[in-house]
Amino acid sequence: MVELFLRLIINATLLMFVSRLVLGLYVEGWGAAFVGAIVLGLVNFFVKPVMVVLTFPFPILTFGLFLLLDKIHNKFGSKAILRGCVGEIE
C-alpha cells in the first residue's frame, strides 16, 4: 500500500514537471496532477494488457517497436479522459 502511494506521488510530481516543459500541456494544480496520475495508472493497468493481447503478432514482427505505439495510444486515451479535469490539453 505504501508503494502505491509512493508511485502516485512520484507520478503526480513528474506530471507537474512535464507540464512545465511541454507546450500545450497545462496542469492546474496538485489536485489535478493527482487525478491525472490516477487516470494514467488505471489506463495502464486495464487497457495495456488488453492491447498487448490483441496486438500480439505485431511486437514479434517489429521486434518490439510496436509496443512504443501502444504506449503512445495509452497516453492519448488518458488525455481524452482527462480533458475536462486537468486543464488545457491540446
N, C-alpha and C. Protein backbone atom coordinates (compact mmCIF):
# COMPACT_ATOMS: atom_id res chain seq x y z
N MET A 1 0.83 -1.19 0.00
CA MET A 1 0.00 0.00 0.00
C MET A 1 0.87 1.26 0.00
N VAL A 2 1.98 1.17 0.72
CA VAL A 2 2.90 2.31 0.75
C VAL A 2 3.51 2.53 -0.64
N GLU A 3 3.80 1.43 -1.34
CA GLU A 3 4.37 1.55 -2.68
C GLU A 3 3.38 2.22 -3.63
N LEU A 4 2.10 1.93 -3.47
CA LEU A 4 1.08 2.54 -4.31
C LEU A 4 1.04 4.06 -4.12
N PHE A 5 1.05 4.51 -2.88
CA PHE A 5 1.03 5.95 -2.61
C PHE A 5 2.33 6.61 -3.05
N LEU A 6 3.44 5.91 -2.90
CA LEU A 6 4.72 6.45 -3.35
C LEU A 6 4.72 6.63 -4.87
N ARG A 7 4.20 5.62 -5.59
CA ARG A 7 4.12 5.75 -7.04
C ARG A 7 3.18 6.87 -7.46
N LEU A 8 2.08 7.02 -6.73
CA LEU A 8 1.13 8.09 -7.03
C LEU A 8 1.78 9.46 -6.85
N ILE A 9 2.52 9.63 -5.77
CA ILE A 9 3.21 10.90 -5.51
C ILE A 9 4.27 11.17 -6.58
N ILE A 10 5.02 10.14 -6.94
CA ILE A 10 6.07 10.30 -7.96
C ILE A 10 5.45 10.64 -9.31
N ASN A 11 4.37 9.92 -9.69
CA ASN A 11 3.72 10.20 -10.97
C ASN A 11 3.12 11.60 -11.00
N ALA A 12 2.50 12.04 -9.91
CA ALA A 12 1.93 13.38 -9.87
C ALA A 12 3.02 14.44 -9.97
N THR A 13 4.13 14.21 -9.28
CA THR A 13 5.25 15.15 -9.34
C THR A 13 5.82 15.21 -10.76
N LEU A 14 5.98 14.07 -11.40
CA LEU A 14 6.50 14.06 -12.76
C LEU A 14 5.52 14.68 -13.74
N LEU A 15 4.23 14.50 -13.50
CA LEU A 15 3.23 15.13 -14.35
C LEU A 15 3.30 16.65 -14.24
N MET A 16 3.49 17.15 -13.03
CA MET A 16 3.65 18.61 -12.85
C MET A 16 4.93 19.09 -13.54
N PHE A 17 6.01 18.32 -13.40
CA PHE A 17 7.29 18.69 -14.01
C PHE A 17 7.18 18.71 -15.53
N VAL A 18 6.55 17.68 -16.10
CA VAL A 18 6.42 17.60 -17.55
C VAL A 18 5.50 18.70 -18.07
N SER A 19 4.49 19.07 -17.28
CA SER A 19 3.59 20.13 -17.74
C SER A 19 4.31 21.48 -17.84
N ARG A 20 5.38 21.64 -17.12
CA ARG A 20 6.15 22.87 -17.21
C ARG A 20 7.10 22.86 -18.43
N LEU A 21 7.45 21.66 -18.89
CA LEU A 21 8.38 21.54 -20.01
C LEU A 21 7.69 21.46 -21.36
N VAL A 22 6.52 20.81 -21.42
CA VAL A 22 5.86 20.54 -22.68
C VAL A 22 4.83 21.63 -22.97
N LEU A 23 4.95 22.25 -24.12
CA LEU A 23 3.97 23.25 -24.53
C LEU A 23 2.66 22.55 -24.87
N GLY A 24 1.55 23.13 -24.45
CA GLY A 24 0.26 22.55 -24.74
C GLY A 24 -0.28 21.67 -23.63
N LEU A 25 0.53 21.36 -22.64
CA LEU A 25 0.08 20.57 -21.50
C LEU A 25 0.09 21.47 -20.28
N TYR A 26 -1.07 21.69 -19.72
CA TYR A 26 -1.18 22.57 -18.56
C TYR A 26 -1.94 21.84 -17.46
N VAL A 27 -1.33 21.73 -16.30
CA VAL A 27 -1.96 21.09 -15.14
C VAL A 27 -2.27 22.20 -14.15
N GLU A 28 -3.52 22.28 -13.71
CA GLU A 28 -3.98 23.41 -12.90
C GLU A 28 -3.49 23.41 -11.46
N GLY A 29 -3.00 22.32 -10.97
CA GLY A 29 -2.52 22.27 -9.59
C GLY A 29 -2.23 20.84 -9.18
N TRP A 30 -1.90 20.68 -7.90
CA TRP A 30 -1.54 19.35 -7.40
C TRP A 30 -2.72 18.40 -7.40
N GLY A 31 -3.92 18.92 -7.15
CA GLY A 31 -5.10 18.06 -7.18
C GLY A 31 -5.33 17.46 -8.56
N ALA A 32 -5.20 18.30 -9.57
CA ALA A 32 -5.34 17.82 -10.94
C ALA A 32 -4.20 16.87 -11.31
N ALA A 33 -3.02 17.11 -10.78
CA ALA A 33 -1.90 16.21 -11.05
C ALA A 33 -2.14 14.84 -10.44
N PHE A 34 -2.72 14.80 -9.24
CA PHE A 34 -3.02 13.50 -8.61
C PHE A 34 -4.12 12.78 -9.38
N VAL A 35 -5.13 13.52 -9.85
CA VAL A 35 -6.18 12.89 -10.66
C VAL A 35 -5.57 12.34 -11.96
N GLY A 36 -4.71 13.12 -12.57
CA GLY A 36 -4.03 12.66 -13.79
C GLY A 36 -3.18 11.43 -13.55
N ALA A 37 -2.49 11.39 -12.42
CA ALA A 37 -1.66 10.23 -12.10
C ALA A 37 -2.53 8.99 -11.88
N ILE A 38 -3.67 9.17 -11.24
CA ILE A 38 -4.58 8.04 -11.01
C ILE A 38 -5.14 7.53 -12.34
N VAL A 39 -5.54 8.45 -13.22
CA VAL A 39 -6.10 8.02 -14.51
C VAL A 39 -5.04 7.34 -15.36
N LEU A 40 -3.84 7.88 -15.39
CA LEU A 40 -2.76 7.23 -16.15
C LEU A 40 -2.48 5.83 -15.60
N GLY A 41 -2.48 5.69 -14.29
CA GLY A 41 -2.28 4.37 -13.69
C GLY A 41 -3.39 3.40 -14.03
N LEU A 42 -4.64 3.87 -14.00
CA LEU A 42 -5.77 2.99 -14.33
C LEU A 42 -5.76 2.60 -15.81
N VAL A 43 -5.45 3.54 -16.68
CA VAL A 43 -5.38 3.21 -18.11
C VAL A 43 -4.27 2.21 -18.37
N ASN A 44 -3.12 2.40 -17.76
CA ASN A 44 -2.03 1.45 -17.94
C ASN A 44 -2.37 0.09 -17.34
N PHE A 45 -3.14 0.06 -16.26
CA PHE A 45 -3.48 -1.20 -15.61
C PHE A 45 -4.52 -1.99 -16.39
N PHE A 46 -5.55 -1.31 -16.91
CA PHE A 46 -6.64 -2.01 -17.57
C PHE A 46 -6.49 -2.12 -19.08
N VAL A 47 -6.04 -1.08 -19.74
CA VAL A 47 -6.02 -1.05 -21.20
C VAL A 47 -4.77 -1.72 -21.75
N LYS A 48 -3.63 -1.52 -21.13
CA LYS A 48 -2.38 -2.04 -21.67
C LYS A 48 -2.38 -3.56 -21.84
N PRO A 49 -2.82 -4.36 -20.84
CA PRO A 49 -2.83 -5.81 -21.07
C PRO A 49 -3.75 -6.24 -22.21
N VAL A 50 -4.89 -5.57 -22.35
CA VAL A 50 -5.80 -5.91 -23.43
C VAL A 50 -5.16 -5.59 -24.78
N MET A 51 -4.53 -4.43 -24.87
CA MET A 51 -3.88 -4.05 -26.13
C MET A 51 -2.72 -4.98 -26.47
N VAL A 52 -1.98 -5.42 -25.46
CA VAL A 52 -0.85 -6.32 -25.72
C VAL A 52 -1.37 -7.66 -26.25
N VAL A 53 -2.47 -8.15 -25.68
CA VAL A 53 -3.04 -9.43 -26.14
C VAL A 53 -3.62 -9.29 -27.55
N LEU A 54 -4.35 -8.21 -27.80
CA LEU A 54 -4.97 -8.03 -29.11
C LEU A 54 -3.96 -7.81 -30.22
N THR A 55 -2.84 -7.21 -29.90
CA THR A 55 -1.84 -6.90 -30.92
C THR A 55 -0.62 -7.80 -30.79
N PHE A 56 -0.82 -9.03 -30.34
CA PHE A 56 0.30 -9.94 -30.05
C PHE A 56 1.25 -10.16 -31.22
N PRO A 57 0.79 -10.39 -32.45
CA PRO A 57 1.77 -10.67 -33.52
C PRO A 57 2.64 -9.47 -33.89
N PHE A 58 2.14 -8.25 -33.70
CA PHE A 58 2.89 -7.08 -34.15
C PHE A 58 4.21 -6.86 -33.42
N PRO A 59 4.27 -7.02 -32.07
CA PRO A 59 5.58 -6.85 -31.43
C PRO A 59 6.60 -7.89 -31.89
N ILE A 60 6.14 -9.06 -32.24
CA ILE A 60 7.07 -10.09 -32.72
C ILE A 60 7.60 -9.70 -34.10
N LEU A 61 6.72 -9.22 -34.96
CA LEU A 61 7.14 -8.86 -36.32
C LEU A 61 8.00 -7.60 -36.36
N THR A 62 7.76 -6.68 -35.42
CA THR A 62 8.50 -5.42 -35.43
C THR A 62 9.60 -5.38 -34.38
N PHE A 63 9.91 -6.51 -33.80
CA PHE A 63 10.95 -6.62 -32.78
C PHE A 63 10.70 -5.71 -31.58
N GLY A 64 9.43 -5.57 -31.20
CA GLY A 64 9.06 -4.81 -30.01
C GLY A 64 8.81 -3.33 -30.22
N LEU A 65 9.05 -2.82 -31.42
CA LEU A 65 8.83 -1.39 -31.66
C LEU A 65 7.35 -1.02 -31.63
N PHE A 66 6.48 -1.99 -31.89
CA PHE A 66 5.05 -1.71 -31.86
C PHE A 66 4.57 -1.37 -30.45
N LEU A 67 5.25 -1.87 -29.41
CA LEU A 67 4.85 -1.56 -28.04
C LEU A 67 5.01 -0.08 -27.74
N LEU A 68 5.92 0.60 -28.43
CA LEU A 68 6.04 2.05 -28.29
C LEU A 68 4.77 2.74 -28.76
N LEU A 69 4.21 2.28 -29.88
CA LEU A 69 2.94 2.82 -30.35
C LEU A 69 1.82 2.53 -29.37
N ASP A 70 1.87 1.39 -28.71
CA ASP A 70 0.87 1.04 -27.71
C ASP A 70 0.93 2.01 -26.53
N LYS A 71 2.13 2.36 -26.11
CA LYS A 71 2.26 3.32 -25.01
C LYS A 71 1.75 4.70 -25.41
N ILE A 72 2.02 5.10 -26.62
CA ILE A 72 1.52 6.39 -27.11
C ILE A 72 0.00 6.38 -27.15
N HIS A 73 -0.58 5.27 -27.57
CA HIS A 73 -2.04 5.16 -27.61
C HIS A 73 -2.62 5.28 -26.21
N ASN A 74 -1.99 4.69 -25.22
CA ASN A 74 -2.48 4.80 -23.84
C ASN A 74 -2.43 6.25 -23.35
N LYS A 75 -1.40 6.97 -23.71
CA LYS A 75 -1.30 8.37 -23.28
C LYS A 75 -2.39 9.22 -23.92
N PHE A 76 -2.69 8.97 -25.21
CA PHE A 76 -3.75 9.73 -25.86
C PHE A 76 -5.12 9.35 -25.30
N GLY A 77 -5.30 8.08 -24.91
CA GLY A 77 -6.55 7.69 -24.27
C GLY A 77 -6.71 8.37 -22.92
N SER A 78 -5.63 8.51 -22.18
CA SER A 78 -5.68 9.22 -20.91
C SER A 78 -5.99 10.69 -21.13
N LYS A 79 -5.45 11.24 -22.19
CA LYS A 79 -5.71 12.65 -22.49
C LYS A 79 -7.19 12.89 -22.76
N ALA A 80 -7.83 11.95 -23.44
CA ALA A 80 -9.26 12.09 -23.73
C ALA A 80 -10.08 12.02 -22.45
N ILE A 81 -9.68 11.20 -21.51
CA ILE A 81 -10.39 11.08 -20.24
C ILE A 81 -10.18 12.33 -19.40
N LEU A 82 -8.98 12.87 -19.40
CA LEU A 82 -8.61 13.98 -18.54
C LEU A 82 -8.93 15.35 -19.11
N ARG A 83 -9.47 15.41 -20.28
CA ARG A 83 -9.67 16.70 -20.95
C ARG A 83 -10.43 17.71 -20.09
N GLY A 84 -11.38 17.27 -19.31
CA GLY A 84 -12.17 18.21 -18.53
C GLY A 84 -11.59 18.54 -17.18
N CYS A 85 -10.80 17.67 -16.58
CA CYS A 85 -10.44 17.92 -15.19
C CYS A 85 -8.99 18.37 -14.98
N VAL A 86 -8.12 18.16 -15.94
CA VAL A 86 -6.72 18.53 -15.73
C VAL A 86 -6.42 19.93 -16.21
N GLY A 87 -7.12 20.39 -17.21
CA GLY A 87 -6.85 21.73 -17.71
C GLY A 87 -6.72 21.70 -19.21
N GLU A 88 -5.92 22.58 -19.73
CA GLU A 88 -5.78 22.75 -21.17
C GLU A 88 -4.82 21.69 -21.71
N ILE A 89 -5.35 20.79 -22.50
CA ILE A 89 -4.53 19.78 -23.18
C ILE A 89 -4.84 19.89 -24.65
N GLU A 90 -3.84 20.18 -25.45
CA GLU A 90 -4.04 20.35 -26.90
C GLU A 90 -3.66 19.09 -27.62
